[in-house]
PDB file of N, CA and C in Angstrom:
ATOM      1  N   MET A   1     -33.480  22.307  -0.170  1.00  0.00           N
ATOM      2  CA  MET A   1     -33.189  21.043  -0.154  1.00  0.00           C
ATOM      3  C   MET A   1     -32.529  20.325  -1.312  1.00  0.00           C
ATOM      4  N   LEU A   2     -32.733  20.991  -2.690  1.00  0.00           N
ATOM      5  CA  LEU A   2     -32.108  20.042  -3.470  1.00  0.00           C
ATOM      6  C   LEU A   2     -30.833  20.752  -3.418  1.00  0.00           C
ATOM      7  N   ASN A   3     -30.480  21.968  -3.164  1.00  0.00           N
ATOM      8  CA  ASN A   3     -29.071  22.415  -3.013  1.00  0.00           C
ATOM      9  C   ASN A   3     -28.188  21.609  -1.765  1.00  0.00           C
ATOM     10  N   LYS A   4     -28.812  21.212  -1.019  1.00  0.00           N
ATOM     11  CA  LYS A   4     -27.977  20.129   0.303  1.00  0.00           C
ATOM     12  C   LYS A   4     -27.965  18.880  -0.908  1.00  0.00           C
ATOM     13  N   LEU A   5     -28.922  18.213  -1.178  1.00  0.00           N
ATOM     14  CA  LEU A   5     -28.671  17.160  -2.137  1.00  0.00           C
ATOM     15  C   LEU A   5     -27.785  16.934  -2.658  1.00  0.00           C
ATOM     16  N   TYR A   6     -27.610  18.133  -3.864  1.00  0.00           N
ATOM     17  CA  TYR A   6     -26.637  18.382  -4.815  1.00  0.00           C
ATOM     18  C   TYR A   6     -25.003  18.738  -4.332  1.00  0.00           C
ATOM     19  N   ARG A   7     -24.964  19.087  -3.173  1.00  0.00           N
ATOM     20  CA  ARG A   7     -23.981  19.462  -2.164  1.00  0.00           C
ATOM     21  C   ARG A   7     -23.323  18.188  -1.806  1.00  0.00           C
ATOM     22  N   ALA A   8     -24.397  17.074  -1.156  1.00  0.00           N
ATOM     23  CA  ALA A   8     -23.921  16.219  -0.919  1.00  0.00           C
ATOM     24  C   ALA A   8     -23.751  15.145  -1.576  1.00  0.00           C
ATOM     25  N   LEU A   9     -24.056  15.059  -2.969  1.00  0.00           N
ATOM     26  CA  LEU A   9     -23.829  14.364  -3.799  1.00  0.00           C
ATOM     27  C   LEU A   9     -22.031  14.599  -4.498  1.00  0.00           C
ATOM     28  N   VAL A  10     -22.091  16.000  -4.538  1.00  0.00           N
ATOM     29  CA  VAL A  10     -20.828  16.415  -4.870  1.00  0.00           C
ATOM     30  C   VAL A  10     -19.392  16.132  -3.888  1.00  0.00           C
ATOM     31  N   ILE A  11     -19.890  16.322  -2.929  1.00  0.00           N
ATOM     32  CA  ILE A  11     -18.582  15.794  -1.816  1.00  0.00           C
ATOM     33  C   ILE A  11     -18.322  14.154  -1.785  1.00  0.00           C
ATOM     34  N   GLY A  12     -19.555  13.514  -2.113  1.00  0.00           N
ATOM     35  CA  GLY A  12     -19.450  12.282  -1.766  1.00  0.00           C
ATOM     36  C   GLY A  12     -18.624  11.693  -3.133  1.00  0.00           C
ATOM     37  N   ARG A  13     -18.917  12.454  -4.260  1.00  0.00           N
ATOM     38  CA  ARG A  13     -17.753  11.922  -5.374  1.00  0.00           C
ATOM     39  C   ARG A  13     -16.706  12.372  -5.455  1.00  0.00           C
ATOM     40  N   ALA A  14     -16.421  13.523  -4.731  1.00  0.00           N
ATOM     41  CA  ALA A  14     -15.064  14.059  -4.818  1.00  0.00           C
ATOM     42  C   ALA A  14     -14.244  13.413  -3.779  1.00  0.00           C
ATOM     43  N   LYS A  15     -14.830  13.106  -2.660  1.00  0.00           N
ATOM     44  CA  LYS A  15     -14.411  11.687  -1.769  1.00  0.00           C
ATOM     45  C   LYS A  15     -14.166  10.438  -2.351  1.00  0.00           C
ATOM     46  N   SER A  16     -14.804   9.994  -3.145  1.00  0.00           N
ATOM     47  CA  SER A  16     -14.513   8.707  -4.052  1.00  0.00           C
ATOM     48  C   SER A  16     -13.431   8.951  -4.959  1.00  0.00           C
ATOM     49  N   ALA A  17     -13.384   9.793  -5.533  1.00  0.00           N
ATOM     50  CA  ALA A  17     -12.339  10.128  -6.377  1.00  0.00           C
ATOM     51  C   ALA A  17     -11.018  10.732  -6.015  1.00  0.00           C
ATOM     52  N   ALA A  18     -11.130  11.198  -4.791  1.00  0.00           N
ATOM     53  CA  ALA A  18     -10.075  10.903  -3.548  1.00  0.00           C
ATOM     54  C   ALA A  18      -9.325   9.939  -3.688  1.00  0.00           C
ATOM     55  N   VAL A  19     -10.428   8.994  -2.865  1.00  0.00           N
ATOM     56  CA  VAL A  19      -9.629   7.629  -2.319  1.00  0.00           C
ATOM     57  C   VAL A  19      -9.203   6.968  -3.592  1.00  0.00           C
ATOM     58  N   GLN A  20      -9.788   7.092  -4.762  1.00  0.00           N
ATOM     59  CA  GLN A  20      -9.094   6.271  -5.708  1.00  0.00           C
ATOM     60  C   GLN A  20      -8.201   6.767  -6.605  1.00  0.00           C
ATOM     61  N   THR A  21      -7.925   8.298  -6.396  1.00  0.00           N
ATOM     62  CA  THR A  21      -6.507   8.735  -6.505  1.00  0.00           C
ATOM     63  C   THR A  21      -5.213   8.338  -5.666  1.00  0.00           C
ATOM     64  N   ALA A  22      -5.729   8.371  -4.354  1.00  0.00           N
ATOM     65  CA  ALA A  22      -4.913   8.004  -3.496  1.00  0.00           C
ATOM     66  C   ALA A  22      -4.383   6.721  -3.554  1.00  0.00           C
ATOM     67  N   ASN A  23      -5.354   5.733  -3.918  1.00  0.00           N
ATOM     68  CA  ASN A  23      -4.725   4.309  -4.089  1.00  0.00           C
ATOM     69  C   ASN A  23      -3.788   4.034  -5.052  1.00  0.00           C
ATOM     70  N   PHE A  24      -4.228   4.900  -6.261  1.00  0.00           N
ATOM     71  CA  PHE A  24      -3.358   4.981  -7.262  1.00  0.00           C
ATOM     72  C   PHE A  24      -1.930   5.339  -7.033  1.00  0.00           C
ATOM     73  N   LEU A  25      -1.779   6.314  -6.492  1.00  0.00           N
ATOM     74  CA  LEU A  25      -0.655   7.042  -6.064  1.00  0.00           C
ATOM     75  C   LEU A  25       0.156   5.907  -5.091  1.00  0.00           C
ATOM     76  N   GLY A  26       1.395   5.591  -5.312  1.00  0.00           N
ATOM     77  CA  GLY A  26       2.656   5.137  -4.378  1.00  0.00           C
ATOM     78  C   GLY A  26       2.891   6.165  -3.454  1.00  0.00           C
ATOM     79  N   GLU A  27       3.072   5.527  -2.444  1.00  0.00           N
ATOM     80  CA  GLU A  27       3.837   6.037  -0.761  1.00  0.00           C
ATOM     81  C   GLU A  27       4.964   7.514  -1.547  1.00  0.00           C
ATOM     82  N   ARG A  28       5.803   7.237  -2.565  1.00  0.00           N
ATOM     83  CA  ARG A  28       6.800   8.044  -2.495  1.00  0.00           C
ATOM     84  C   ARG A  28       6.247   9.154  -3.630  1.00  0.00           C
ATOM     85  N   ASP A  29       5.193   8.932  -4.291  1.00  0.00           N
ATOM     86  CA  ASP A  29       4.507  10.000  -4.826  1.00  0.00           C
ATOM     87  C   ASP A  29       3.521  10.709  -3.942  1.00  0.00           C
ATOM     88  N   LEU A  30       2.982  10.428  -2.776  1.00  0.00           N
ATOM     89  CA  LEU A  30       2.510  11.151  -2.057  1.00  0.00           C
ATOM     90  C   LEU A  30       3.148  11.697  -1.125  1.00  0.00           C
ATOM     91  N   ALA A  31       4.341  11.214  -0.930  1.00  0.00           N
ATOM     92  CA  ALA A  31       5.330  11.954  -0.248  1.00  0.00           C
ATOM     93  C   ALA A  31       5.793  13.500  -1.077  1.00  0.00           C
ATOM     94  N   ASP A  32       5.987  13.026  -2.251  1.00  0.00           N
ATOM     95  CA  ASP A  32       6.684  13.985  -2.850  1.00  0.00           C
ATOM     96  C   ASP A  32       5.173  15.174  -2.945  1.00  0.00           C
ATOM     97  N   LEU A  33       4.226  14.829  -2.866  1.00  0.00           N
ATOM     98  CA  LEU A  33       3.120  16.131  -3.028  1.00  0.00           C
ATOM     99  C   LEU A  33       3.018  16.520  -1.575  1.00  0.00           C
ATOM    100  N   GLY A  34       3.646  15.943  -0.319  1.00  0.00           N
ATOM    101  CA  GLY A  34       3.670  16.608   0.642  1.00  0.00           C
ATOM    102  C   GLY A  34       2.309  15.687   1.783  1.00  0.00           C
ATOM    103  N   HIS A  35       2.068  14.818   1.221  1.00  0.00           N
ATOM    104  CA  HIS A  35       0.527  14.237   1.794  1.00  0.00           C
ATOM    105  C   HIS A  35       1.135  12.734   2.141  1.00  0.00           C
ATOM    106  N   SER A  36       0.116  12.433   3.519  1.00  0.00           N
ATOM    107  CA  SER A  36       0.008  11.114   3.186  1.00  0.00           C
ATOM    108  C   SER A  36      -1.434  10.520   2.516  1.00  0.00           C
ATOM    109  N   ARG A  37      -1.810   9.219   2.645  1.00  0.00           N
ATOM    110  CA  ARG A  37      -3.037   8.640   2.192  1.00  0.00           C
ATOM    111  C   ARG A  37      -4.344   9.559   2.671  1.00  0.00           C
ATOM    112  N   SER A  38      -4.434   9.644   4.036  1.00  0.00           N
ATOM    113  CA  SER A  38      -5.533  10.101   4.473  1.00  0.00           C
ATOM    114  C   SER A  38      -5.598  11.735   4.518  1.00  0.00           C
ATOM    115  N   SER A  39      -4.193  12.183   4.568  1.00  0.00           N
ATOM    116  CA  SER A  39      -4.248  14.137   4.473  1.00  0.00           C
ATOM    117  C   SER A  39      -4.742  14.257   3.288  1.00  0.00           C
ATOM    118  N   PHE A  40      -4.207  13.306   2.138  1.00  0.00           N
ATOM    119  CA  PHE A  40      -4.435  13.710   0.509  1.00  0.00           C
ATOM    120  C   PHE A  40      -6.293  13.705   0.469  1.00  0.00           C
ATOM    121  N   ILE A  41      -6.584  12.777   1.088  1.00  0.00           N
ATOM    122  CA  ILE A  41      -8.286  12.840   0.904  1.00  0.00           C
ATOM    123  C   ILE A  41      -8.756  14.013   1.451  1.00  0.00           C
ATOM    124  N   SER A  42      -8.520  14.289   3.022  1.00  0.00           N
ATOM    125  CA  SER A  42      -8.901  15.130   3.692  1.00  0.00           C
ATOM    126  C   SER A  42      -8.984  16.658   2.894  1.00  0.00           C
ATOM    127  N   ALA A  43      -7.733  17.066   2.577  1.00  0.00           N
ATOM    128  CA  ALA A  43      -7.553  18.035   1.844  1.00  0.00           C
ATOM    129  C   ALA A  43      -8.001  18.193   0.419  1.00  0.00           C
ATOM    130  N   SER A  44      -8.398  16.786  -0.287  1.00  0.00           N
ATOM    131  CA  SER A  44      -9.313  17.095  -1.446  1.00  0.00           C
ATOM    132  C   SER A  44     -10.755  17.596  -1.100  1.00  0.00           C
ATOM    133  N   ILE A  45     -10.987  16.985   0.045  1.00  0.00           N
ATOM    134  CA  ILE A  45     -12.481  17.234   0.218  1.00  0.00           C
ATOM    135  C   ILE A  45     -12.728  18.456   0.632  1.00  0.00           C
ATOM    136  N   GLU A  46     -11.976  19.039   1.606  1.00  0.00           N
ATOM    137  CA  GLU A  46     -11.500  20.295   2.553  1.00  0.00           C
ATOM    138  C   GLU A  46     -11.915  21.517   0.956  1.00  0.00           C
ATOM    139  N   ASN A  47     -10.964  21.040   0.138  1.00  0.00           N
ATOM    140  CA  ASN A  47     -10.937  22.042  -1.032  1.00  0.00           C
ATOM    141  C   ASN A  47     -12.365  22.054  -1.914  1.00  0.00           C
ATOM    142  N   ILE A  48     -12.935  20.816  -2.124  1.00  0.00           N
ATOM    143  CA  ILE A  48     -14.021  20.935  -2.734  1.00  0.00           C
ATOM    144  C   ILE A  48     -15.123  21.661  -1.665  1.00  0.00           C
ATOM    145  N   VAL A  49     -15.340  21.712  -0.386  1.00  0.00           N
ATOM    146  CA  VAL A  49     -16.193  22.439   0.441  1.00  0.00           C
ATOM    147  C   VAL A  49     -16.006  23.663   0.159  1.00  0.00           C
ATOM    148  N   ASN A  50     -14.795  24.166   0.306  1.00  0.00           N
ATOM    149  CA  ASN A  50     -14.346  25.553  -0.068  1.00  0.00           C
ATOM    150  C   ASN A  50     -15.242  26.347  -1.419  1.00  0.00           C
ATOM    151  N   GLU A  51     -14.824  25.450  -2.172  1.00  0.00           N
ATOM    152  CA  GLU A  51     -15.288  25.993  -3.398  1.00  0.00           C
ATOM    153  C   GLU A  51     -16.742  25.836  -3.510  1.00  0.00           C
ATOM    154  N   LEU A  52     -17.416  24.988  -3.045  1.00  0.00           N
ATOM    155  CA  LEU A  52     -18.675  24.927  -2.836  1.00  0.00           C
ATOM    156  C   LEU A  52     -19.279  26.193  -1.803  1.00  0.00           C
ATOM    157  N   ASP A  53     -18.785  26.409  -0.752  1.00  0.00           N
ATOM    158  CA  ASP A  53     -18.880  27.657  -0.077  1.00  0.00           C
ATOM    159  C   ASP A  53     -18.724  28.870  -0.742  1.00  0.00           C
ATOM    160  N   ALA A  54     -18.031  29.006  -1.402  1.00  0.00           N
ATOM    161  CA  ALA A  54     -17.593  30.384  -2.191  1.00  0.00           C
ATOM    162  C   ALA A  54     -18.752  30.369  -3.312  1.00  0.00           C
ATOM    163  N   ALA A  55     -18.769  29.574  -3.719  1.00  0.00           N
ATOM    164  CA  ALA A  55     -19.905  29.608  -5.129  1.00  0.00           C
ATOM    165  C   ALA A  55     -21.389  30.007  -4.572  1.00  0.00           C
ATOM    166  N   GLU A  56     -21.755  29.471  -3.332  1.00  0.00           N
ATOM    167  CA  GLU A  56     -22.963  29.501  -2.443  1.00  0.00           C
ATOM    168  C   GLU A  56     -23.041  30.917  -2.199  1.00  0.00           C
ATOM    169  N   LYS A  57     -22.061  31.447  -1.810  1.00  0.00           N
ATOM    170  CA  LYS A  57     -21.498  32.951  -1.347  1.00  0.00           C
ATOM    171  C   LYS A  57     -21.878  34.125  -2.411  1.00  0.00           C
ATOM    172  N   SER A  58     -21.559  33.778  -3.430  1.00  0.00           N
ATOM    173  CA  SER A  58     -21.470  34.406  -4.920  1.00  0.00           C
ATOM    174  C   SER A  58     -22.652  34.236  -5.399  1.00  0.00           C
ATOM    175  N   ASN A  59     -23.493  33.490  -5.406  1.00  0.00           N
ATOM    176  CA  ASN A  59     -24.671  33.131  -5.920  1.00  0.00           C
ATOM    177  C   ASN A  59     -25.787  33.938  -4.911  1.00  0.00           C
ATOM    178  N   LYS A  60     -25.534  34.146  -3.576  1.00  0.00           N
ATOM    179  CA  LYS A  60     -26.235  34.631  -2.661  1.00  0.00           C
ATOM    180  C   LYS A  60     -26.263  36.445  -2.641  1.00  0.00           C
ATOM    181  N   ALA A  61     -24.747  36.847  -3.061  1.00  0.00           N
ATOM    182  CA  ALA A  61     -24.674  38.198  -3.501  1.00  0.00           C
ATOM    183  C   ALA A  61     -25.316  38.559  -4.722  1.00  0.00           C
ATOM    184  N   ARG A  62     -25.195  37.884  -5.942  1.00  0.00           N
ATOM    185  CA  ARG A  62     -25.652  38.050  -6.860  1.00  0.00           C
ATOM    186  C   ARG A  62     -27.466  38.217  -7.065  1.00  0.00           C
ATOM    187  N   SER A  63     -27.901  36.916  -6.241  1.00  0.00           N
ATOM    188  CA  SER A  63     -29.184  37.043  -5.952  1.00  0.00           C
ATOM    189  C   SER A  63     -29.760  38.467  -5.550  1.00  0.00           C
ATOM    190  N   PHE A  64     -28.906  39.102  -4.514  1.00  0.00           N
ATOM    191  CA  PHE A  64     -29.230  39.957  -3.646  1.00  0.00           C
ATOM    192  C   PHE A  64     -29.432  41.371  -4.523  1.00  0.00           C
ATOM    193  N   ARG A  65     -28.021  41.530  -5.109  1.00  0.00           N
ATOM    194  CA  ARG A  65     -28.145  42.411  -6.488  1.00  0.00           C
ATOM    195  C   ARG A  65     -29.116  42.561  -7.180  1.00  0.00           C
ATOM    196  N   HIS A  66     -29.734  41.559  -7.984  1.00  0.00           N
ATOM    197  CA  HIS A  66     -30.487  41.276  -8.432  1.00  0.00           C
ATOM    198  C   HIS A  66     -32.049  41.794  -7.935  1.00  0.00           C
ATOM    199  N   SER A  67     -32.022  41.301  -6.986  1.00  0.00           N
ATOM    200  CA  SER A  67     -33.525  41.549  -6.154  1.00  0.00           C
ATOM    201  C   SER A  67     -33.482  42.972  -5.937  1.00  0.00           C
ATOM    202  N   LEU A  68     -32.486  43.560  -5.475  1.00  0.00           N
ATOM    203  CA  LEU A  68     -32.275  45.232  -5.315  1.00  0.00           C
ATOM    204  C   LEU A  68     -32.395  45.926  -6.412  1.00  0.00           C
ATOM    205  N   ARG A  69     -31.944  45.373  -7.521  1.00  0.00           N
ATOM    206  CA  ARG A  69     -31.855  46.524  -8.716  1.00  0.00           C
ATOM    207  C   ARG A  69     -33.346  46.123  -9.058  1.00  0.00           C
ATOM    208  N   ASP A  70     -34.273  45.107  -9.174  1.00  0.00           N
ATOM    209  CA  ASP A  70     -35.561  45.158  -9.467  1.00  0.00           C
ATOM    210  C   ASP A  70     -36.210  45.779  -8.648  1.00  0.00           C
ATOM    211  N   THR A  71     -35.919  45.852  -7.377  1.00  0.00           N
ATOM    212  CA  THR A  71     -36.861  46.751  -6.459  1.00  0.00           C
ATOM    213  C   THR A  71     -36.863  48.314  -6.764  1.00  0.00           C
ATOM    214  N   VAL A  72     -35.419  48.403  -6.971  1.00  0.00           N
ATOM    215  CA  VAL A  72     -35.243  50.188  -7.359  1.00  0.00           C
ATOM    216  C   VAL A  72     -36.058  50.307  -8.840  1.00  0.00           C
ATOM    217  N   ALA A  73     -35.789  49.502  -9.841  1.00  0.00           N
ATOM    218  CA  ALA A  73     -36.210  49.678 -11.098  1.00  0.00           C
ATOM    219  C   ALA A  73     -37.915  49.643 -10.897  1.00  0.00           C
ATOM    220  N   ALA A  74     -38.413  49.092 -10.271  1.00  0.00           N
ATOM    221  CA  ALA A  74     -40.212  48.972  -9.816  1.00  0.00           C
ATOM    222  C   ALA A  74     -40.225  50.315  -9.291  1.00  0.00           C
ATOM    223  N   LEU A  75     -39.556  50.835  -8.401  1.00  0.00           N
ATOM    224  CA  LEU A  75     -39.978  52.012  -7.963  1.00  0.00           C
ATOM    225  C   LEU A  75     -40.020  53.228  -8.494  1.00  0.00           C
ATOM    226  N   PHE A  76     -38.908  53.253  -9.718  1.00  0.00           N
ATOM    227  CA  PHE A  76     -38.929  54.543 -10.547  1.00  0.00           C
ATOM    228  C   PHE A  76     -39.513  54.162 -11.691  1.00  0.00           C
ATOM    229  N   SER A  77     -40.047  52.799 -12.001  1.00  0.00           N
ATOM    230  CA  SER A  77     -40.548  53.130 -13.133  1.00  0.00           C
ATOM    231  C   SER A  77     -42.299  53.640 -12.984  1.00  0.00           C
ATOM    232  N   THR A  78     -42.809  53.759 -11.461  1.00  0.00           N
ATOM    233  CA  THR A  78     -44.123  54.501 -11.338  1.00  0.00           C
ATOM    234  C   THR A  78     -44.046  55.904 -11.035  1.00  0.00           C
ATOM    235  N   TYR A  79     -42.780  56.304 -11.123  1.00  0.00           N
ATOM    236  CA  TYR A  79     -42.218  57.936 -10.611  1.00  0.00           C
ATOM    237  C   TYR A  79     -42.730  58.658 -11.762  1.00  0.00           C
ATOM    238  N   GLY A  80     -43.283  59.324 -11.362  1.00  0.00           N
ATOM    239  CA  GLY A  80     -44.089  60.629 -12.537  1.00  0.00           C
ATOM    240  C   GLY A  80     -45.081  60.232 -12.868  1.00  0.00           C
ATOM    241  N   LYS A  81     -45.971  58.824 -13.064  1.00  0.00           N
ATOM    242  CA  LYS A  81     -46.992  58.589 -13.852  1.00  0.00           C
ATOM    243  C   LYS A  81     -47.925  59.224 -13.212  1.00  0.00           C
ATOM    244  N   LYS A  82     -49.105  59.643 -13.972  1.00  0.00           N
ATOM    245  CA  LYS A  82     -50.358  59.861 -13.172  1.00  0.00           C
ATOM    246  C   LYS A  82     -51.222  59.022 -12.923  1.00  0.00           C
ATOM    247  N   ASN A  83     -51.652  59.156 -11.583  1.00  0.00           N
ATOM    248  CA  ASN A  83     -52.628  58.054 -11.115  1.00  0.00           C
ATOM    249  C   ASN A  83     -54.020  58.199 -12.144  1.00  0.00           C
ATOM    250  N   ILE A  84     -54.407  57.407 -12.949  1.00  0.00           N
ATOM    251  CA  ILE A  84     -55.844  57.461 -13.645  1.00  0.00           C
ATOM    252  C   ILE A  84     -56.528  56.671 -13.525  1.00  0.00           C
ATOM    253  N   ALA A  85     -57.523  57.059 -12.617  1.00  0.00           N
ATOM    254  CA  ALA A  85     -58.565  56.269 -11.949  1.00  0.00           C
ATOM    255  C   ALA A  85     -59.883  57.133 -12.151  1.00  0.00           C
TER     256      ALA A  85
END
């Protein structure tokens, strides 16, 4: 839930920054960049969403690797120990 809230806040702030930047730039500046005002804003938001998706995918992969490593370590830490009861 907190990840979704964080994601929404980051995307909202990115959109606000893109709108402010687009308003600051003139038509000629935007044309030099190859964008209109709306395409500049859309491209900025799409870039942020892609970065957030990549970070989330990376975190999930890292989390899986750590949990797998911990599971294997726990299995081998009991290997060869005698059960004293």
